[in-house]
Amino acid sequence: GFGEEECWSYAEIENDPRFHYETMEFGRGEGLAVDDGTIYVILDNNLDQRTIRPGDRRPLLFVMERLTGPRR
């Protein structure tokens, strides 16, 4: 059957030009972990460089507070 589940979107992060990589073939959300109070999202870039910081080839890790309560 169907049931209700919690959902989060990180599309705002992936679509933000500050976090884009040179080719955008990579640099999409590839890792997600959740605990009681935190959500972790990693953008794995396969060593592609960031658009706004040429030479910066690090992947990005976002650590966000997990919201609680009803979703709309």
PDB file of N, CA and C in Angstrom:
ATOM      1  N   GLY A   1       0.817  -1.183   0.000  1.00  0.00           N
ATOM      2  CA  GLY A   1       0.000   0.000   0.000  1.00  0.00           C
ATOM      3  C   GLY A   1       0.863   1.249   0.000  1.00  0.00           C
ATOM      4  N   PHE A   2       0.180   2.325  -0.028  1.00  0.00           N
ATOM      5  CA  PHE A   2       0.848   3.621  -0.023  1.00  0.00           C
ATOM      6  C   PHE A   2       0.867   4.184   1.381  1.00  0.00           C
ATOM      7  N   GLY A   3       1.895   4.953   1.681  1.00  0.00           N
ATOM      8  CA  GLY A   3       2.002   5.585   2.981  1.00  0.00           C
ATOM      9  C   GLY A   3       2.648   6.948   2.853  1.00  0.00           C
ATOM     10  N   GLU A   4       2.607   7.688   3.897  1.00  0.00           N
ATOM     11  CA  GLU A   4       3.205   9.018   3.927  1.00  0.00           C
ATOM     12  C   GLU A   4       4.660   8.903   4.342  1.00  0.00           C
ATOM     13  N   GLU A   5       5.523   9.664   3.675  1.00  0.00           N
ATOM     14  CA  GLU A   5       6.943   9.687   4.009  1.00  0.00           C
ATOM     15  C   GLU A   5       7.430  11.119   4.023  1.00  0.00           C
ATOM     16  N   GLU A   6       8.530  11.350   4.727  1.00  0.00           N
ATOM     17  CA  GLU A   6       9.147  12.669   4.721  1.00  0.00           C
ATOM     18  C   GLU A   6       9.975  12.823   3.446  1.00  0.00           C
ATOM     19  N   CYS A   7       9.954  14.009   2.869  1.00  0.00           N
ATOM     20  CA  CYS A   7      10.728  14.271   1.657  1.00  0.00           C
ATOM     21  C   CYS A   7      11.441  15.614   1.784  1.00  0.00           C
ATOM     22  N   TRP A   8      12.639  15.680   1.214  1.00  0.00           N
ATOM     23  CA  TRP A   8      13.395  16.922   1.168  1.00  0.00           C
ATOM     24  C   TRP A   8      13.880  17.117  -0.252  1.00  0.00           C
ATOM     25  N   SER A   9      13.948  18.347  -0.660  1.00  0.00           N
ATOM     26  CA  SER A   9      14.492  18.656  -1.980  1.00  0.00           C
ATOM     27  C   SER A   9      15.760  19.475  -1.798  1.00  0.00           C
ATOM     28  N   TYR A  10      16.789  19.113  -2.531  1.00  0.00           N
ATOM     29  CA  TYR A  10      18.005  19.911  -2.542  1.00  0.00           C
ATOM     30  C   TYR A  10      18.252  20.456  -3.943  1.00  0.00           C
ATOM     31  N   ALA A  11      17.192  20.541  -4.742  1.00  0.00           N
ATOM     32  CA  ALA A  11      17.294  21.099  -6.099  1.00  0.00           C
ATOM     33  C   ALA A  11      17.802  22.533  -6.065  1.00  0.00           C
ATOM     34  N   GLU A  12      17.425  23.276  -5.036  1.00  0.00           N
ATOM     35  CA  GLU A  12      17.885  24.664  -4.912  1.00  0.00           C
ATOM     36  C   GLU A  12      19.416  24.723  -4.836  1.00  0.00           C
ATOM     37  N   ILE A  13      20.022  23.760  -4.176  1.00  0.00           N
ATOM     38  CA  ILE A  13      21.480  23.695  -4.078  1.00  0.00           C
ATOM     39  C   ILE A  13      22.077  23.351  -5.440  1.00  0.00           C
ATOM     40  N   GLU A  14      21.557  22.294  -6.076  1.00  0.00           N
ATOM     41  CA  GLU A  14      22.109  21.869  -7.364  1.00  0.00           C
ATOM     42  C   GLU A  14      21.935  22.923  -8.452  1.00  0.00           C
ATOM     43  N   ASN A  15      20.891  23.733  -8.362  1.00  0.00           N
ATOM     44  CA  ASN A  15      20.632  24.743  -9.391  1.00  0.00           C
ATOM     45  C   ASN A  15      21.276  26.096  -9.096  1.00  0.00           C
ATOM     46  N   ASP A  16      21.903  26.239  -7.961  1.00  0.00           N
ATOM     47  CA  ASP A  16      22.547  27.501  -7.583  1.00  0.00           C
ATOM     48  C   ASP A  16      23.885  27.631  -8.316  1.00  0.00           C
ATOM     49  N   PRO A  17      24.075  28.681  -9.125  1.00  0.00           N
ATOM     50  CA  PRO A  17      25.319  28.845  -9.887  1.00  0.00           C
ATOM     51  C   PRO A  17      26.587  28.871  -9.024  1.00  0.00           C
ATOM     52  N   ARG A  18      26.463  29.212  -7.748  1.00  0.00           N
ATOM     53  CA  ARG A  18      27.643  29.235  -6.871  1.00  0.00           C
ATOM     54  C   ARG A  18      28.240  27.851  -6.692  1.00  0.00           C
ATOM     55  N   PHE A  19      27.437  26.810  -6.922  1.00  0.00           N
ATOM     56  CA  PHE A  19      27.897  25.454  -6.675  1.00  0.00           C
ATOM     57  C   PHE A  19      28.062  24.659  -7.962  1.00  0.00           C
ATOM     58  N   HIS A  20      28.048  25.314  -9.109  1.00  0.00           N
ATOM     59  CA  HIS A  20      28.186  24.596 -10.381  1.00  0.00           C
ATOM     60  C   HIS A  20      29.642  24.267 -10.673  1.00  0.00           C
ATOM     61  N   TYR A  21      29.811  23.161 -11.373  1.00  0.00           N
ATOM     62  CA  TYR A  21      31.122  22.735 -11.842  1.00  0.00           C
ATOM     63  C   TYR A  21      31.227  23.021 -13.331  1.00  0.00           C
ATOM     64  N   GLU A  22      32.429  22.983 -13.842  1.00  0.00           N
ATOM     65  CA  GLU A  22      32.727  23.399 -15.205  1.00  0.00           C
ATOM     66  C   GLU A  22      31.830  22.727 -16.250  1.00  0.00           C
ATOM     67  N   THR A  23      31.701  21.432 -16.231  1.00  0.00           N
ATOM     68  CA  THR A  23      30.923  20.759 -17.270  1.00  0.00           C
ATOM     69  C   THR A  23      29.526  20.362 -16.804  1.00  0.00           C
ATOM     70  N   MET A  24      29.301  20.261 -15.535  1.00  0.00           N
ATOM     71  CA  MET A  24      28.059  19.790 -14.928  1.00  0.00           C
ATOM     72  C   MET A  24      27.686  18.383 -15.369  1.00  0.00           C
ATOM     73  N   GLU A  25      28.654  17.678 -15.979  1.00  0.00           N
ATOM     74  CA  GLU A  25      28.449  16.247 -16.198  1.00  0.00           C
ATOM     75  C   GLU A  25      28.431  15.555 -14.842  1.00  0.00           C
ATOM     76  N   PHE A  26      29.213  16.136 -13.922  1.00  0.00           N
ATOM     77  CA  PHE A  26      29.255  15.656 -12.554  1.00  0.00           C
ATOM     78  C   PHE A  26      28.813  16.810 -11.655  1.00  0.00           C
ATOM     79  N   GLY A  27      28.889  16.641 -10.369  1.00  0.00           N
ATOM     80  CA  GLY A  27      28.529  17.715  -9.454  1.00  0.00           C
ATOM     81  C   GLY A  27      27.062  17.707  -9.078  1.00  0.00           C
ATOM     82  N   ARG A  28      26.429  16.586  -9.227  1.00  0.00           N
ATOM     83  CA  ARG A  28      25.042  16.411  -8.793  1.00  0.00           C
ATOM     84  C   ARG A  28      25.045  15.660  -7.468  1.00  0.00           C
ATOM     85  N   GLY A  29      23.953  15.766  -6.755  1.00  0.00           N
ATOM     86  CA  GLY A  29      23.855  15.077  -5.469  1.00  0.00           C
ATOM     87  C   GLY A  29      24.024  13.580  -5.642  1.00  0.00           C
ATOM     88  N   GLU A  30      25.055  13.030  -5.028  1.00  0.00           N
ATOM     89  CA  GLU A  30      25.324  11.598  -5.150  1.00  0.00           C
ATOM     90  C   GLU A  30      25.327  10.892  -3.811  1.00  0.00           C
ATOM     91  N   GLY A  31      25.366  11.650  -2.755  1.00  0.00           N
ATOM     92  CA  GLY A  31      25.388  11.027  -1.436  1.00  0.00           C
ATOM     93  C   GLY A  31      24.421  11.742  -0.517  1.00  0.00           C
ATOM     94  N   LEU A  32      23.662  10.974   0.246  1.00  0.00           N
ATOM     95  CA  LEU A  32      22.687  11.530   1.177  1.00  0.00           C
ATOM     96  C   LEU A  32      22.719  10.701   2.450  1.00  0.00           C
ATOM     97  N   ALA A  33      22.828  11.387   3.576  1.00  0.00           N
ATOM     98  CA  ALA A  33      22.743  10.718   4.873  1.00  0.00           C
ATOM     99  C   ALA A  33      21.877  11.577   5.775  1.00  0.00           C
ATOM    100  N   VAL A  34      21.111  10.926   6.629  1.00  0.00           N
ATOM    101  CA  VAL A  34      20.193  11.627   7.523  1.00  0.00           C
ATOM    102  C   VAL A  34      20.316  11.022   8.911  1.00  0.00           C
ATOM    103  N   ASP A  35      20.391  11.887   9.923  1.00  0.00           N
ATOM    104  CA  ASP A  35      20.295  11.390  11.292  1.00  0.00           C
ATOM    105  C   ASP A  35      19.171  12.154  11.979  1.00  0.00           C
ATOM    106  N   ASP A  36      19.077  12.076  13.286  1.00  0.00           N
ATOM    107  CA  ASP A  36      17.945  12.680  13.988  1.00  0.00           C
ATOM    108  C   ASP A  36      17.789  14.174  13.743  1.00  0.00           C
ATOM    109  N   GLY A  37      18.881  14.905  13.584  1.00  0.00           N
ATOM    110  CA  GLY A  37      18.770  16.354  13.462  1.00  0.00           C
ATOM    111  C   GLY A  37      19.450  16.968  12.258  1.00  0.00           C
ATOM    112  N   THR A  38      20.091  16.146  11.410  1.00  0.00           N
ATOM    113  CA  THR A  38      20.928  16.700  10.350  1.00  0.00           C
ATOM    114  C   THR A  38      20.752  15.916   9.051  1.00  0.00           C
ATOM    115  N   ILE A  39      20.857  16.645   7.933  1.00  0.00           N
ATOM    116  CA  ILE A  39      20.875  16.045   6.607  1.00  0.00           C
ATOM    117  C   ILE A  39      22.218  16.401   5.976  1.00  0.00           C
ATOM    118  N   TYR A  40      22.872  15.416   5.368  1.00  0.00           N
ATOM    119  CA  TYR A  40      24.154  15.609   4.706  1.00  0.00           C
ATOM    120  C   TYR A  40      23.977  15.265   3.226  1.00  0.00           C
ATOM    121  N   VAL A  41      24.370  16.179   2.346  1.00  0.00           N
ATOM    122  CA  VAL A  41      24.309  15.947   0.900  1.00  0.00           C
ATOM    123  C   VAL A  41      25.690  16.226   0.337  1.00  0.00           C
ATOM    124  N   ILE A  42      26.200  15.307  -0.485  1.00  0.00           N
ATOM    125  CA  ILE A  42      27.497  15.533  -1.117  1.00  0.00           C
ATOM    126  C   ILE A  42      27.316  15.636  -2.623  1.00  0.00           C
ATOM    127  N   LEU A  43      27.973  16.651  -3.198  1.00  0.00           N
ATOM    128  CA  LEU A  43      28.042  16.800  -4.649  1.00  0.00           C
ATOM    129  C   LEU A  43      29.418  16.308  -5.067  1.00  0.00           C
ATOM    130  N   ASP A  44      29.452  15.167  -5.724  1.00  0.00           N
ATOM    131  CA  ASP A  44      30.715  14.563  -6.157  1.00  0.00           C
ATOM    132  C   ASP A  44      31.010  15.037  -7.573  1.00  0.00           C
ATOM    133  N   ASN A  45      32.131  15.685  -7.754  1.00  0.00           N
ATOM    134  CA  ASN A  45      32.461  16.339  -9.022  1.00  0.00           C
ATOM    135  C   ASN A  45      33.456  15.581  -9.886  1.00  0.00           C
ATOM    136  N   ASN A  46      33.917  14.425  -9.452  1.00  0.00           N
ATOM    137  CA  ASN A  46      34.925  13.654 -10.202  1.00  0.00           C
ATOM    138  C   ASN A  46      36.106  14.527 -10.631  1.00  0.00           C
ATOM    139  N   LEU A  47      36.521  15.402  -9.748  1.00  0.00           N
ATOM    140  CA  LEU A  47      37.669  16.306  -9.925  1.00  0.00           C
ATOM    141  C   LEU A  47      37.455  17.398 -10.971  1.00  0.00           C
ATOM    142  N   ASP A  48      36.212  17.636 -11.389  1.00  0.00           N
ATOM    143  CA  ASP A  48      35.910  18.772 -12.257  1.00  0.00           C
ATOM    144  C   ASP A  48      36.065  20.043 -11.419  1.00  0.00           C
ATOM    145  N   GLN A  49      36.436  21.160 -12.043  1.00  0.00           N
ATOM    146  CA  GLN A  49      36.630  22.391 -11.277  1.00  0.00           C
ATOM    147  C   GLN A  49      35.349  23.211 -11.201  1.00  0.00           C
ATOM    148  N   ARG A  50      35.243  24.004 -10.149  1.00  0.00           N
ATOM    149  CA  ARG A  50      34.062  24.850  -9.952  1.00  0.00           C
ATOM    150  C   ARG A  50      34.098  26.017 -10.924  1.00  0.00           C
ATOM    151  N   THR A  51      32.923  26.417 -11.385  1.00  0.00           N
ATOM    152  CA  THR A  51      32.792  27.511 -12.351  1.00  0.00           C
ATOM    153  C   THR A  51      33.293  28.827 -11.773  1.00  0.00           C
ATOM    154  N   ILE A  52      32.897  29.142 -10.548  1.00  0.00           N
ATOM    155  CA  ILE A  52      33.259  30.448  -9.972  1.00  0.00           C
ATOM    156  C   ILE A  52      34.620  30.446  -9.297  1.00  0.00           C
ATOM    157  N   ARG A  53      35.231  29.265  -9.166  1.00  0.00           N
ATOM    158  CA  ARG A  53      36.562  29.168  -8.554  1.00  0.00           C
ATOM    159  C   ARG A  53      37.424  28.217  -9.368  1.00  0.00           C
ATOM    160  N   PRO A  54      37.900  28.654 -10.530  1.00  0.00           N
ATOM    161  CA  PRO A  54      38.750  27.778 -11.336  1.00  0.00           C
ATOM    162  C   PRO A  54      39.911  27.237 -10.499  1.00  0.00           C
ATOM    163  N   GLY A  55      40.184  25.972 -10.676  1.00  0.00           N
ATOM    164  CA  GLY A  55      41.247  25.329  -9.908  1.00  0.00           C
ATOM    165  C   GLY A  55      40.737  24.633  -8.661  1.00  0.00           C
ATOM    166  N   ASP A  56      39.544  24.995  -8.188  1.00  0.00           N
ATOM    167  CA  ASP A  56      38.964  24.357  -7.005  1.00  0.00           C
ATOM    168  C   ASP A  56      38.251  23.090  -7.460  1.00  0.00           C
ATOM    169  N   ARG A  57      38.858  21.953  -7.199  1.00  0.00           N
ATOM    170  CA  ARG A  57      38.342  20.666  -7.666  1.00  0.00           C
ATOM    171  C   ARG A  57      37.798  19.806  -6.522  1.00  0.00           C
ATOM    172  N   ARG A  58      37.494  20.444  -5.404  1.00  0.00           N
ATOM    173  CA  ARG A  58      36.979  19.688  -4.257  1.00  0.00           C
ATOM    174  C   ARG A  58      35.489  19.387  -4.426  1.00  0.00           C
ATOM    175  N   PRO A  59      35.041  18.225  -3.969  1.00  0.00           N
ATOM    176  CA  PRO A  59      33.595  17.986  -3.915  1.00  0.00           C
ATOM    177  C   PRO A  59      33.002  18.874  -2.822  1.00  0.00           C
ATOM    178  N   LEU A  60      31.703  19.048  -2.841  1.00  0.00           N
ATOM    179  CA  LEU A  60      31.038  19.884  -1.846  1.00  0.00           C
ATOM    180  C   LEU A  60      30.192  19.026  -0.918  1.00  0.00           C
ATOM    181  N   LEU A  61      30.273  19.304   0.373  1.00  0.00           N
ATOM    182  CA  LEU A  61      29.455  18.637   1.379  1.00  0.00           C
ATOM    183  C   LEU A  61      28.565  19.695   2.017  1.00  0.00           C
ATOM    184  N   PHE A  62      27.259  19.471   1.985  1.00  0.00           N
ATOM    185  CA  PHE A  62      26.305  20.373   2.621  1.00  0.00           C
ATOM    186  C   PHE A  62      25.764  19.689   3.865  1.00  0.00           C
ATOM    187  N   VAL A  63      25.776  20.417   4.970  1.00  0.00           N
ATOM    188  CA  VAL A  63      25.259  19.930   6.237  1.00  0.00           C
ATOM    189  C   VAL A  63      24.113  20.858   6.611  1.00  0.00           C
ATOM    190  N   MET A  64      22.909  20.289   6.668  1.00  0.00           N
ATOM    191  CA  MET A  64      21.719  21.101   6.899  1.00  0.00           C
ATOM    192  C   MET A  64      20.925  20.582   8.085  1.00  0.00           C
ATOM    193  N   GLU A  65      20.283  21.491   8.770  1.00  0.00           N
ATOM    194  CA  GLU A  65      19.417  21.104   9.875  1.00  0.00           C
ATOM    195  C   GLU A  65      18.194  20.391   9.317  1.00  0.00           C
ATOM    196  N   ARG A  66      17.861  19.293   9.935  1.00  0.00           N
ATOM    197  CA  ARG A  66      16.672  18.548   9.526  1.00  0.00           C
ATOM    198  C   ARG A  66      15.454  19.205  10.144  1.00  0.00           C
ATOM    199  N   LEU A  67      14.549  19.669   9.293  1.00  0.00           N
ATOM    200  CA  LEU A  67      13.343  20.318   9.768  1.00  0.00           C
ATOM    201  C   LEU A  67      12.361  19.261  10.247  1.00  0.00           C
ATOM    202  N   THR A  68      11.572  19.627  11.231  1.00  0.00           N
ATOM    203  CA  THR A  68      10.544  18.708  11.729  1.00  0.00           C
ATOM    204  C   THR A  68       9.200  19.385  11.620  1.00  0.00           C
ATOM    205  N   GLY A  69       8.170  18.620  11.681  1.00  0.00           N
ATOM    206  CA  GLY A  69       6.816  19.173  11.616  1.00  0.00           C
ATOM    207  C   GLY A  69       6.189  18.917  10.275  1.00  0.00           C
ATOM    208  N   PRO A  70       4.966  19.392  10.106  1.00  0.00           N
ATOM    209  CA  PRO A  70       4.232  19.117   8.865  1.00  0.00           C
ATOM    210  C   PRO A  70       4.869  19.776   7.651  1.00  0.00           C
ATOM    211  N   ARG A  71       4.786  19.099   6.525  1.00  0.00           N
ATOM    212  CA  ARG A  71       5.292  19.604   5.243  1.00  0.00           C
ATOM    213  C   ARG A  71       4.101  20.058   4.399  1.00  0.00           C
ATOM    214  N   ARG A  72       4.319  21.027   3.572  1.00  0.00           N
ATOM    215  CA  ARG A  72       3.267  21.478   2.639  1.00  0.00           C
ATOM    216  C   ARG A  72       3.742  21.321   1.230  1.00  0.00           C
TER     217      ARG A  72
END
